[in-house]
């Protein structure tokens, strides 16, 4: 009697993206930014308020944001109005502005007793980590958006990076300016990142009434 070789049956693996929204995370609207900001102010959460405000202003990737040092932002007894950092992904410099509201929140944070002698602007509360991790930052973002009634699956750290850039594009239509602010080497990358073509198409469609 011959032996019949049956095909091996591999166990089914659950797709990594099952139950998740995949794709670009949407930017926050101005009213949503102010809602999150107001909640953090009322809670007296100085660290998170400074982190949130700086994330909006800087338009940095999470990996660059959490690695910022006090000396990157603070000089003497004031917070810089403009800051230049080297992006870890591209190794290219990018400059960003720091608004008055953000400067105030950063100054209030760095003046706290627990920040004395600290090197990183957002130090970790765990002894084995020098600063807040990107994973922890992502969890904070989910908490912030959930607190104002948004679905956390539709937002992420790139939502904060895209928020001010998207607003600038909507108001000016200046892709070159947005490209420089995001630190992209090619304008095509900015178009894809903002979803400009889709956004423009939807805006046109919304104006057509039949």
N, C-alpha and C. Protein backbone atom coordinates (compact mmCIF):
# COMPACT_ATOMS: atom_id res chain seq x y z
N UNK A 1 0.85 -1.19 0.00
CA UNK A 1 0.00 0.00 0.00
C UNK A 1 0.89 1.24 0.00
N UNK A 2 0.64 2.13 -0.98
CA UNK A 2 1.49 3.32 -1.11
C UNK A 2 1.11 4.37 -0.09
N UNK A 3 2.12 5.10 0.34
CA UNK A 3 1.89 6.20 1.28
C UNK A 3 1.46 7.45 0.51
N UNK A 4 0.41 8.05 0.95
CA UNK A 4 -0.10 9.26 0.31
C UNK A 4 0.40 10.48 1.07
N UNK A 5 1.08 11.34 0.37
CA UNK A 5 1.61 12.56 0.98
C UNK A 5 0.55 13.66 0.93
N UNK A 6 0.04 13.99 2.08
CA UNK A 6 -0.95 15.06 2.14
C UNK A 6 -0.25 16.40 2.30
N UNK A 7 -0.80 17.43 1.68
CA UNK A 7 -0.16 18.75 1.82
C UNK A 7 -0.20 19.23 3.26
N UNK A 8 0.87 19.86 3.65
CA UNK A 8 0.93 20.37 5.02
C UNK A 8 -0.07 21.51 5.19
N UNK A 9 -0.74 21.48 6.31
CA UNK A 9 -1.73 22.52 6.60
C UNK A 9 -1.12 23.52 7.56
N UNK A 10 -1.01 24.74 7.10
CA UNK A 10 -0.44 25.78 7.94
C UNK A 10 -1.55 26.47 8.74
N UNK A 11 -1.30 26.71 10.01
CA UNK A 11 -2.32 27.39 10.81
C UNK A 11 -2.55 28.81 10.30
N UNK A 12 -3.81 29.20 10.33
CA UNK A 12 -4.15 30.54 9.86
C UNK A 12 -3.65 31.59 10.84
N UNK A 13 -3.02 32.60 10.29
CA UNK A 13 -2.52 33.70 11.13
C UNK A 13 -3.46 34.89 11.01
N UNK A 14 -3.72 35.51 12.13
CA UNK A 14 -4.57 36.69 12.12
C UNK A 14 -3.82 37.85 11.47
N UNK A 15 -4.40 38.47 10.45
CA UNK A 15 -3.72 39.61 9.80
C UNK A 15 -3.39 40.69 10.82
N UNK A 16 -2.19 41.27 10.67
CA UNK A 16 -1.74 42.28 11.63
C UNK A 16 -2.65 43.50 11.65
N UNK A 17 -3.33 43.76 10.51
CA UNK A 17 -4.15 44.97 10.44
C UNK A 17 -5.64 44.71 10.66
N UNK A 18 -5.98 43.50 11.17
CA UNK A 18 -7.39 43.20 11.40
C UNK A 18 -7.96 44.12 12.48
N UNK A 19 -9.05 44.78 12.16
CA UNK A 19 -9.70 45.65 13.13
C UNK A 19 -9.06 47.02 13.25
N UNK A 20 -8.06 47.31 12.42
CA UNK A 20 -7.40 48.61 12.49
C UNK A 20 -7.71 49.44 11.25
N UNK A 21 -7.71 50.75 11.43
CA UNK A 21 -7.82 51.66 10.30
C UNK A 21 -6.43 51.90 9.76
N UNK A 22 -6.21 51.51 8.50
CA UNK A 22 -4.90 51.64 7.90
C UNK A 22 -4.91 52.82 6.94
N UNK A 23 -3.82 53.53 6.90
CA UNK A 23 -3.71 54.68 6.02
C UNK A 23 -3.27 55.90 6.79
N UNK A 24 -3.31 57.03 6.12
CA UNK A 24 -2.88 58.26 6.75
C UNK A 24 -3.80 58.64 7.91
N UNK A 25 -3.19 59.10 8.97
CA UNK A 25 -3.96 59.59 10.10
C UNK A 25 -4.35 61.03 9.83
N UNK A 26 -5.61 61.34 10.10
CA UNK A 26 -6.10 62.67 9.77
C UNK A 26 -5.54 63.72 10.72
N UNK A 27 -5.35 64.93 10.23
CA UNK A 27 -4.89 66.01 11.10
C UNK A 27 -6.02 66.49 12.00
N UNK A 28 -5.67 67.16 13.07
CA UNK A 28 -6.67 67.74 13.96
C UNK A 28 -7.18 69.06 13.38
N UNK A 29 -8.42 69.37 13.69
CA UNK A 29 -8.97 70.68 13.35
C UNK A 29 -8.58 71.67 14.44
N UNK A 30 -8.65 72.95 14.12
CA UNK A 30 -8.26 73.98 15.09
C UNK A 30 -9.06 73.86 16.38
N UNK A 31 -10.36 73.62 16.27
CA UNK A 31 -11.21 73.52 17.47
C UNK A 31 -10.83 72.29 18.32
N UNK A 32 -10.36 71.24 17.65
CA UNK A 32 -9.93 70.05 18.39
C UNK A 32 -8.60 70.29 19.11
N UNK A 33 -7.72 71.05 18.47
CA UNK A 33 -6.46 71.42 19.13
C UNK A 33 -6.75 72.20 20.40
N UNK A 34 -7.65 73.17 20.31
CA UNK A 34 -7.97 73.99 21.48
C UNK A 34 -8.69 73.19 22.55
N UNK A 35 -9.50 72.20 22.15
CA UNK A 35 -10.20 71.36 23.12
C UNK A 35 -9.20 70.52 23.93
N UNK A 36 -8.21 69.93 23.24
CA UNK A 36 -7.19 69.15 23.94
C UNK A 36 -6.36 70.05 24.83
N UNK A 37 -5.98 71.19 24.30
CA UNK A 37 -5.17 72.16 25.06
C UNK A 37 -5.88 72.60 26.33
N UNK A 38 -7.17 72.88 26.21
CA UNK A 38 -7.94 73.34 27.37
C UNK A 38 -8.01 72.25 28.44
N UNK A 39 -8.18 71.00 28.03
CA UNK A 39 -8.24 69.90 28.99
C UNK A 39 -6.92 69.73 29.74
N UNK A 40 -5.82 69.84 29.03
CA UNK A 40 -4.51 69.70 29.66
C UNK A 40 -4.23 70.87 30.61
N UNK A 41 -4.66 72.07 30.23
CA UNK A 41 -4.49 73.24 31.09
C UNK A 41 -5.30 73.10 32.37
N UNK A 42 -6.55 72.67 32.23
CA UNK A 42 -7.42 72.51 33.40
C UNK A 42 -6.89 71.42 34.34
N UNK A 43 -6.28 70.40 33.75
CA UNK A 43 -5.73 69.30 34.57
C UNK A 43 -4.40 69.69 35.20
N UNK A 44 -3.83 70.81 34.78
CA UNK A 44 -2.53 71.22 35.31
C UNK A 44 -1.40 70.30 34.90
N UNK A 45 -1.57 69.62 33.75
CA UNK A 45 -0.57 68.67 33.27
C UNK A 45 0.45 69.43 32.41
N UNK A 46 1.47 69.98 33.06
CA UNK A 46 2.43 70.85 32.39
C UNK A 46 3.27 70.11 31.35
N UNK A 47 3.68 68.89 31.67
CA UNK A 47 4.50 68.15 30.71
C UNK A 47 3.74 67.86 29.43
N UNK A 48 2.52 67.30 29.58
CA UNK A 48 1.74 66.94 28.40
C UNK A 48 1.33 68.18 27.61
N UNK A 49 1.05 69.26 28.29
CA UNK A 49 0.69 70.50 27.60
C UNK A 49 1.86 71.01 26.76
N UNK A 50 3.06 70.99 27.34
CA UNK A 50 4.25 71.43 26.60
C UNK A 50 4.53 70.49 25.42
N UNK A 51 4.37 69.19 25.65
CA UNK A 51 4.61 68.20 24.59
C UNK A 51 3.61 68.37 23.46
N UNK A 52 2.34 68.53 23.79
CA UNK A 52 1.29 68.69 22.78
C UNK A 52 1.50 69.97 21.97
N UNK A 53 1.72 71.08 22.66
CA UNK A 53 1.92 72.36 21.96
C UNK A 53 3.14 72.31 21.04
N UNK A 54 4.22 71.72 21.53
CA UNK A 54 5.45 71.65 20.74
C UNK A 54 5.28 70.71 19.55
N UNK A 55 4.52 69.65 19.72
CA UNK A 55 4.27 68.72 18.61
C UNK A 55 3.53 69.43 17.47
N UNK A 56 2.56 70.27 17.82
CA UNK A 56 1.81 71.02 16.81
C UNK A 56 2.72 72.03 16.12
N UNK A 57 3.48 72.80 16.89
CA UNK A 57 4.33 73.84 16.31
C UNK A 57 5.49 73.28 15.50
N UNK A 58 6.15 72.27 16.04
CA UNK A 58 7.39 71.79 15.43
C UNK A 58 7.16 70.98 14.17
N UNK A 59 6.02 70.28 14.10
CA UNK A 59 5.73 69.41 12.96
C UNK A 59 6.79 68.32 12.80
N UNK A 60 7.40 67.93 13.92
CA UNK A 60 8.45 66.92 13.90
C UNK A 60 7.87 65.51 13.97
N UNK A 61 8.61 64.55 13.44
CA UNK A 61 8.26 63.15 13.66
C UNK A 61 8.41 62.84 15.15
N UNK A 62 7.68 61.85 15.61
CA UNK A 62 7.72 61.51 17.03
C UNK A 62 9.11 61.19 17.52
N UNK A 63 9.91 60.49 16.69
CA UNK A 63 11.26 60.09 17.11
C UNK A 63 12.15 61.30 17.35
N UNK A 64 11.93 62.39 16.61
CA UNK A 64 12.72 63.60 16.80
C UNK A 64 12.17 64.46 17.94
N UNK A 65 10.86 64.45 18.09
CA UNK A 65 10.22 65.26 19.13
C UNK A 65 10.64 64.80 20.52
N UNK A 66 10.60 63.49 20.76
CA UNK A 66 10.89 62.99 22.12
C UNK A 66 12.37 63.10 22.48
N UNK A 67 13.23 63.29 21.48
CA UNK A 67 14.68 63.40 21.74
C UNK A 67 15.15 64.84 21.93
N UNK A 68 14.25 65.79 21.85
CA UNK A 68 14.65 67.19 22.02
C UNK A 68 15.23 67.41 23.42
N UNK A 69 16.27 68.21 23.47
CA UNK A 69 16.91 68.53 24.74
C UNK A 69 16.50 69.92 25.20
N UNK A 70 16.65 70.16 26.48
CA UNK A 70 16.30 71.47 27.03
C UNK A 70 17.09 72.57 26.33
N UNK A 71 18.37 72.30 26.06
CA UNK A 71 19.22 73.30 25.41
C UNK A 71 18.83 73.58 23.96
N UNK A 72 18.06 72.67 23.35
CA UNK A 72 17.56 72.91 21.99
C UNK A 72 16.53 74.03 21.98
N UNK A 73 15.78 74.14 23.08
CA UNK A 73 14.67 75.10 23.14
C UNK A 73 14.95 76.29 24.04
N UNK A 74 15.73 76.08 25.09
CA UNK A 74 15.90 77.12 26.11
C UNK A 74 17.30 77.69 26.06
N UNK A 75 17.38 79.02 26.06
CA UNK A 75 18.66 79.71 26.13
C UNK A 75 18.56 80.79 27.21
N UNK A 76 19.35 80.65 28.24
CA UNK A 76 19.29 81.59 29.35
C UNK A 76 17.96 81.49 30.08
N UNK A 77 17.26 82.62 30.13
CA UNK A 77 15.97 82.64 30.82
C UNK A 77 14.80 82.80 29.86
N UNK A 78 14.97 82.27 28.65
CA UNK A 78 13.88 82.36 27.68
C UNK A 78 13.87 81.15 26.76
N UNK A 79 12.73 80.96 26.11
CA UNK A 79 12.56 79.89 25.13
C UNK A 79 12.74 80.48 23.74
N UNK A 80 13.50 79.80 22.92
CA UNK A 80 13.77 80.30 21.56
C UNK A 80 12.48 80.44 20.75
N UNK A 81 12.47 81.41 19.86
CA UNK A 81 11.33 81.59 18.96
C UNK A 81 11.46 80.73 17.71
N UNK A 82 12.69 80.40 17.34
CA UNK A 82 12.94 79.51 16.21
C UNK A 82 14.00 78.50 16.59
N UNK A 83 13.79 77.28 16.14
CA UNK A 83 14.69 76.18 16.51
C UNK A 83 15.05 75.39 15.25
N UNK A 84 16.28 74.96 15.17
CA UNK A 84 16.73 74.09 14.07
C UNK A 84 17.23 72.78 14.65
N UNK A 85 16.74 71.67 14.09
CA UNK A 85 17.19 70.34 14.53
C UNK A 85 17.54 69.51 13.29
N UNK A 86 18.36 68.49 13.51
CA UNK A 86 18.70 67.54 12.45
C UNK A 86 17.74 66.36 12.55
N UNK A 87 17.03 66.07 11.48
CA UNK A 87 16.08 64.96 11.48
C UNK A 87 16.82 63.63 11.49
N UNK A 88 16.38 62.73 12.34
CA UNK A 88 17.06 61.43 12.45
C UNK A 88 16.81 60.57 11.21
N UNK A 89 15.70 60.75 10.53
CA UNK A 89 15.37 59.92 9.37
C UNK A 89 16.17 60.34 8.14
N UNK A 90 16.25 61.65 7.88
CA UNK A 90 16.89 62.14 6.66
C UNK A 90 18.27 62.72 6.89
N UNK A 91 18.62 62.98 8.16
CA UNK A 91 19.87 63.64 8.52
C UNK A 91 19.96 65.05 7.92
N UNK A 92 18.82 65.63 7.60
CA UNK A 92 18.76 66.98 7.07
C UNK A 92 18.23 67.93 8.13
N UNK A 93 18.70 69.18 8.15
CA UNK A 93 18.18 70.13 9.14
C UNK A 93 16.78 70.61 8.78
N UNK A 94 16.00 70.88 9.79
CA UNK A 94 14.68 71.46 9.59
C UNK A 94 14.48 72.52 10.67
N UNK A 95 13.86 73.61 10.30
CA UNK A 95 13.64 74.71 11.24
C UNK A 95 12.16 74.85 11.52
N UNK A 96 11.83 75.21 12.74
CA UNK A 96 10.42 75.44 13.07
C UNK A 96 10.29 76.61 14.02
N UNK A 97 9.11 77.19 14.01
CA UNK A 97 8.80 78.32 14.88
C UNK A 97 8.18 77.82 16.18
N UNK A 98 8.35 78.59 17.24
CA UNK A 98 7.75 78.25 18.53
C UNK A 98 6.85 79.42 18.92
N UNK A 99 5.55 79.21 18.90
CA UNK A 99 4.61 80.28 19.17
C UNK A 99 4.67 80.71 20.63
N UNK A 100 4.11 81.87 20.91
CA UNK A 100 4.16 82.40 22.27
C UNK A 100 3.49 81.47 23.27
N UNK A 101 2.36 80.91 22.88
CA UNK A 101 1.64 79.99 23.77
C UNK A 101 2.49 78.76 24.09
N UNK A 102 3.18 78.26 23.06
CA UNK A 102 4.05 77.09 23.27
C UNK A 102 5.25 77.45 24.11
N UNK A 103 5.82 78.62 23.88
CA UNK A 103 6.98 79.06 24.68
C UNK A 103 6.60 79.16 26.16
N UNK A 104 5.42 79.68 26.44
CA UNK A 104 4.96 79.79 27.83
C UNK A 104 4.82 78.41 28.47
N UNK A 105 4.24 77.47 27.74
CA UNK A 105 4.02 76.13 28.31
C UNK A 105 5.36 75.41 28.52
N UNK A 106 6.30 75.60 27.62
CA UNK A 106 7.62 74.98 27.78
C UNK A 106 8.35 75.58 28.98
N UNK A 107 8.30 76.91 29.10
CA UNK A 107 8.98 77.56 30.21
C UNK A 107 8.40 77.12 31.56
N UNK A 108 7.07 77.03 31.64
CA UNK A 108 6.43 76.57 32.87
C UNK A 108 6.85 75.15 33.22
N UNK A 109 7.07 74.33 32.18
CA UNK A 109 7.47 72.94 32.41
C UNK A 109 8.92 72.84 32.87
N UNK A 110 9.84 73.54 32.18
CA UNK A 110 11.26 73.40 32.53
C UNK A 110 11.59 74.05 33.87
N UNK A 111 10.71 74.91 34.36
CA UNK A 111 10.93 75.54 35.67
C UNK A 111 10.45 74.68 36.83
N UNK A 112 9.84 73.55 36.53
CA UNK A 112 9.38 72.65 37.58
C UNK A 112 10.59 72.04 38.31
N UNK A 113 10.47 71.80 39.62
CA UNK A 113 11.58 71.22 40.39
C UNK A 113 12.11 69.91 39.81
N UNK A 114 11.20 69.07 39.29
CA UNK A 114 11.64 67.77 38.77
C UNK A 114 12.45 67.89 37.48
N UNK A 115 12.47 69.08 36.88
CA UNK A 115 13.24 69.27 35.65
C UNK A 115 14.64 69.82 35.90
N UNK A 116 14.95 70.15 37.12
CA UNK A 116 16.26 70.70 37.43
C UNK A 116 17.38 69.70 37.11
N UNK A 117 18.33 70.10 36.30
CA UNK A 117 19.44 69.24 35.95
C UNK A 117 19.13 68.21 34.88
N UNK A 118 17.95 68.25 34.32
CA UNK A 118 17.57 67.29 33.29
C UNK A 118 18.12 67.72 31.93
N UNK A 119 18.54 66.74 31.14
CA UNK A 119 19.06 67.05 29.81
C UNK A 119 17.99 67.06 28.75
N UNK A 120 17.11 66.03 28.79
CA UNK A 120 16.05 65.93 27.79
C UNK A 120 14.84 66.75 28.21
N UNK A 121 14.17 67.31 27.22
CA UNK A 121 13.01 68.16 27.50
C UNK A 121 11.85 67.36 28.07
N UNK A 122 11.73 66.11 27.62
CA UNK A 122 10.65 65.24 28.11
C UNK A 122 11.26 63.94 28.65
N UNK A 123 11.85 64.00 29.84
CA UNK A 123 12.53 62.82 30.40
C UNK A 123 11.52 61.72 30.75
N UNK A 124 12.01 60.49 30.67
CA UNK A 124 11.16 59.35 31.01
C UNK A 124 11.04 59.23 32.52
N UNK A 125 9.93 58.69 32.97
CA UNK A 125 9.74 58.42 34.39
C UNK A 125 10.31 57.07 34.77
N UNK A 126 10.84 56.34 33.78
CA UNK A 126 11.50 55.07 34.03
C UNK A 126 13.01 55.30 34.07
N UNK A 127 13.67 54.72 35.04
CA UNK A 127 15.09 54.97 35.25
C UNK A 127 15.97 54.46 34.11
N UNK A 128 15.48 53.43 33.38
CA UNK A 128 16.32 52.86 32.33
C UNK A 128 16.14 53.56 30.98
N UNK A 129 15.34 54.63 30.94
CA UNK A 129 15.13 55.34 29.68
C UNK A 129 15.43 56.83 29.89
N UNK A 130 16.18 57.42 28.98
CA UNK A 130 16.54 58.83 29.16
C UNK A 130 15.41 59.80 28.85
N UNK A 131 14.51 59.39 27.96
CA UNK A 131 13.42 60.29 27.57
C UNK A 131 12.16 59.48 27.25
N UNK A 132 11.06 60.17 27.11
CA UNK A 132 9.79 59.53 26.74
C UNK A 132 10.01 58.76 25.42
N UNK A 133 9.50 57.55 25.36
CA UNK A 133 9.66 56.75 24.14
C UNK A 133 8.59 57.13 23.11
N UNK A 134 8.84 56.76 21.86
CA UNK A 134 7.85 57.03 20.82
C UNK A 134 6.56 56.25 21.07
N UNK A 135 6.70 55.08 21.67
CA UNK A 135 5.49 54.29 21.99
C UNK A 135 4.66 54.97 23.07
N UNK A 136 5.35 55.52 24.06
CA UNK A 136 4.63 56.23 25.11
C UNK A 136 3.99 57.49 24.55
N UNK A 137 4.69 58.18 23.67
CA UNK A 137 4.14 59.37 23.03
C UNK A 137 2.88 59.01 22.24
N UNK A 138 2.91 57.88 21.53
CA UNK A 138 1.74 57.44 20.77
C UNK A 138 0.56 57.16 21.70
N UNK A 139 0.83 56.57 22.86
CA UNK A 139 -0.24 56.30 23.82
C UNK A 139 -0.84 57.61 24.33
N UNK A 140 0.01 58.60 24.58
CA UNK A 140 -0.48 59.90 25.03
C UNK A 140 -1.39 60.54 23.99
N UNK A 141 -1.00 60.45 22.73
CA UNK A 141 -1.83 61.02 21.66
C UNK A 141 -3.19 60.34 21.63
N UNK A 142 -3.21 59.02 21.75
CA UNK A 142 -4.49 58.30 21.77
C UNK A 142 -5.35 58.77 22.94
N UNK A 143 -4.74 58.97 24.10
CA UNK A 143 -5.48 59.43 25.26
C UNK A 143 -6.04 60.84 25.03
N UNK A 144 -5.23 61.70 24.43
CA UNK A 144 -5.66 63.08 24.21
C UNK A 144 -6.87 63.16 23.27
N UNK A 145 -6.80 62.42 22.16
CA UNK A 145 -7.91 62.50 21.20
C UNK A 145 -9.16 61.81 21.74
N UNK A 146 -8.97 60.72 22.48
CA UNK A 146 -10.12 60.02 23.07
C UNK A 146 -10.82 60.90 24.10
N UNK A 147 -10.05 61.73 24.80
CA UNK A 147 -10.61 62.58 25.86
C UNK A 147 -11.58 63.62 25.32
N UNK A 148 -11.46 63.97 24.03
CA UNK A 148 -12.39 64.96 23.45
C UNK A 148 -13.41 64.29 22.53
N UNK A 149 -13.53 62.96 22.65
CA UNK A 149 -14.58 62.25 21.94
C UNK A 149 -14.25 61.78 20.54
N UNK A 150 -12.96 61.82 20.16
CA UNK A 150 -12.57 61.34 18.83
C UNK A 150 -12.22 59.86 18.89
N UNK A 151 -12.33 59.19 17.74
CA UNK A 151 -11.96 57.78 17.65
C UNK A 151 -10.45 57.67 17.56
N UNK A 152 -9.78 57.10 18.55
CA UNK A 152 -8.31 57.03 18.54
C UNK A 152 -7.74 56.28 17.34
N UNK A 153 -8.52 55.37 16.75
CA UNK A 153 -8.00 54.60 15.62
C UNK A 153 -7.78 55.46 14.38
N UNK A 154 -8.40 56.63 14.35
CA UNK A 154 -8.25 57.51 13.19
C UNK A 154 -7.16 58.54 13.34
N UNK A 155 -6.49 58.54 14.49
CA UNK A 155 -5.48 59.56 14.76
C UNK A 155 -4.22 58.91 15.33
N UNK A 156 -3.11 59.61 15.19
CA UNK A 156 -1.84 59.11 15.71
C UNK A 156 -0.85 60.26 15.83
N UNK A 157 0.40 59.91 16.07
CA UNK A 157 1.41 60.95 16.24
C UNK A 157 1.57 61.79 14.97
N UNK A 158 1.36 61.18 13.80
CA UNK A 158 1.47 61.95 12.56
C UNK A 158 0.31 62.93 12.39
N UNK A 159 -0.77 62.71 13.13
CA UNK A 159 -1.87 63.69 13.11
C UNK A 159 -1.37 65.04 13.61
N UNK A 160 -0.56 65.01 14.68
CA UNK A 160 -0.03 66.25 15.23
C UNK A 160 1.00 66.85 14.29
N UNK A 161 1.80 66.01 13.65
CA UNK A 161 2.79 66.50 12.68
C UNK A 161 2.10 67.16 11.48
N UNK A 162 0.96 66.63 11.08
CA UNK A 162 0.27 67.13 9.89
C UNK A 162 -0.65 68.31 10.17
N UNK A 163 -1.04 68.52 11.44
CA UNK A 163 -2.09 69.48 11.75
C UNK A 163 -1.79 70.90 11.25
N UNK A 164 -0.68 71.47 11.67
CA UNK A 164 -0.36 72.84 11.28
C UNK A 164 0.00 72.92 9.80
N UNK A 165 0.67 71.88 9.29
CA UNK A 165 1.03 71.86 7.88
C UNK A 165 -0.21 71.86 6.99
N UNK A 166 -1.20 71.05 7.37
CA UNK A 166 -2.45 70.99 6.59
C UNK A 166 -3.19 72.33 6.64
N UNK A 167 -3.18 72.97 7.80
CA UNK A 167 -3.84 74.26 7.95
C UNK A 167 -3.15 75.33 7.10
N UNK A 168 -1.83 75.31 7.08
CA UNK A 168 -1.07 76.27 6.27
C UNK A 168 -1.39 76.07 4.79
N UNK A 169 -1.45 74.80 4.35
CA UNK A 169 -1.75 74.54 2.94
C UNK A 169 -3.16 75.00 2.59
N UNK A 170 -4.13 74.72 3.47
CA UNK A 170 -5.51 75.12 3.18
C UNK A 170 -5.64 76.63 3.08
N UNK A 171 -4.87 77.36 3.88
CA UNK A 171 -4.98 78.82 3.89
C UNK A 171 -4.18 79.48 2.76
N UNK A 172 -3.06 78.88 2.37
CA UNK A 172 -2.17 79.54 1.41
C UNK A 172 -2.04 78.80 0.08
N UNK A 173 -2.22 77.49 0.09
CA UNK A 173 -1.99 76.70 -1.12
C UNK A 173 -0.52 76.62 -1.49
N UNK A 174 0.36 77.00 -0.57
CA UNK A 174 1.80 77.05 -0.84
C UNK A 174 2.45 75.73 -0.44
N UNK A 175 2.61 74.85 -1.41
CA UNK A 175 3.20 73.54 -1.13
C UNK A 175 4.68 73.64 -0.80
N UNK A 176 5.36 74.57 -1.44
CA UNK A 176 6.80 74.72 -1.19
C UNK A 176 7.06 75.08 0.26
N UNK A 177 6.25 75.99 0.81
CA UNK A 177 6.41 76.38 2.21
C UNK A 177 6.18 75.18 3.14
N UNK A 178 5.15 74.40 2.84
CA UNK A 178 4.85 73.23 3.66
C UNK A 178 5.97 72.20 3.55
N UNK A 179 6.51 72.04 2.34
CA UNK A 179 7.62 71.11 2.13
C UNK A 179 8.81 71.47 3.02
N UNK A 180 9.15 72.75 3.08
CA UNK A 180 10.27 73.19 3.90
C UNK A 180 9.99 72.98 5.38
N UNK A 181 8.77 73.26 5.80
CA UNK A 181 8.42 73.13 7.21
C UNK A 181 8.43 71.68 7.67
N UNK A 182 8.07 70.77 6.77
CA UNK A 182 8.05 69.34 7.12
C UNK A 182 9.42 68.69 6.93
N UNK A 183 10.34 69.40 6.24
CA UNK A 183 11.67 68.85 6.02
C UNK A 183 11.71 67.78 4.95
N UNK A 184 10.76 67.82 4.01
CA UNK A 184 10.76 66.86 2.91
C UNK A 184 11.77 67.29 1.84
N UNK A 185 12.47 66.33 1.24
CA UNK A 185 13.44 66.65 0.20
C UNK A 185 12.76 66.91 -1.14
N UNK A 186 11.57 66.32 -1.36
CA UNK A 186 10.86 66.49 -2.62
C UNK A 186 9.43 66.93 -2.36
N UNK A 187 8.93 67.79 -3.22
CA UNK A 187 7.57 68.28 -3.05
C UNK A 187 6.55 67.15 -3.26
N UNK A 188 6.95 66.14 -4.07
CA UNK A 188 6.05 64.99 -4.29
C UNK A 188 5.75 64.29 -2.97
N UNK A 189 6.75 64.24 -2.09
CA UNK A 189 6.54 63.60 -0.79
C UNK A 189 5.53 64.40 0.03
N UNK A 190 5.57 65.71 -0.09
CA UNK A 190 4.64 66.57 0.64
C UNK A 190 3.23 66.38 0.12
N UNK A 191 3.09 66.27 -1.20
CA UNK A 191 1.77 66.05 -1.82
C UNK A 191 1.16 64.76 -1.30
N UNK A 192 1.96 63.69 -1.28
CA UNK A 192 1.46 62.40 -0.79
C UNK A 192 1.16 62.46 0.70
N UNK A 193 2.04 63.12 1.44
CA UNK A 193 1.88 63.16 2.89
C UNK A 193 0.62 63.89 3.31
N UNK A 194 0.33 65.00 2.65
CA UNK A 194 -0.86 65.78 2.99
C UNK A 194 -2.12 65.25 2.33
N UNK A 195 -1.95 64.38 1.32
CA UNK A 195 -3.12 63.93 0.57
C UNK A 195 -3.73 65.09 -0.18
N UNK A 196 -2.87 65.94 -0.72
CA UNK A 196 -3.32 67.20 -1.32
C UNK A 196 -4.30 66.98 -2.45
N UNK A 197 -3.98 66.08 -3.38
CA UNK A 197 -4.84 65.90 -4.54
C UNK A 197 -6.24 65.44 -4.14
N UNK A 198 -6.31 64.51 -3.18
CA UNK A 198 -7.61 64.04 -2.71
C UNK A 198 -8.35 65.15 -1.99
N UNK A 199 -7.64 65.90 -1.16
CA UNK A 199 -8.26 67.00 -0.42
C UNK A 199 -8.82 68.05 -1.37
N UNK A 200 -8.05 68.39 -2.40
CA UNK A 200 -8.52 69.37 -3.39
C UNK A 200 -9.74 68.85 -4.14
N UNK A 201 -9.70 67.56 -4.50
CA UNK A 201 -10.82 66.98 -5.23
C UNK A 201 -12.10 66.99 -4.40
N UNK A 202 -11.97 66.66 -3.12
CA UNK A 202 -13.14 66.67 -2.24
C UNK A 202 -13.68 68.08 -2.05
N UNK A 203 -12.77 69.06 -1.94
CA UNK A 203 -13.19 70.45 -1.76
C UNK A 203 -13.98 70.93 -2.98
N UNK A 204 -13.50 70.53 -4.18
CA UNK A 204 -14.20 70.91 -5.40
C UNK A 204 -15.57 70.24 -5.44
N UNK A 205 -15.61 68.96 -5.10
CA UNK A 205 -16.87 68.22 -5.14
C UNK A 205 -17.91 68.80 -4.18
N UNK A 206 -17.43 69.27 -3.03
CA UNK A 206 -18.36 69.82 -2.03
C UNK A 206 -19.02 71.12 -2.51
N UNK A 207 -18.37 71.80 -3.45
CA UNK A 207 -18.92 73.07 -3.95
C UNK A 207 -19.91 72.88 -5.09
N UNK A 208 -20.00 71.64 -5.60
CA UNK A 208 -20.91 71.36 -6.72
C UNK A 208 -22.22 70.80 -6.18
N UNK A 209 -23.29 71.50 -6.44
CA UNK A 209 -24.61 71.06 -5.95
C UNK A 209 -25.50 70.73 -7.15
N UNK A 210 -25.97 69.49 -7.23
CA UNK A 210 -26.85 69.10 -8.32
C UNK A 210 -28.13 68.50 -7.78
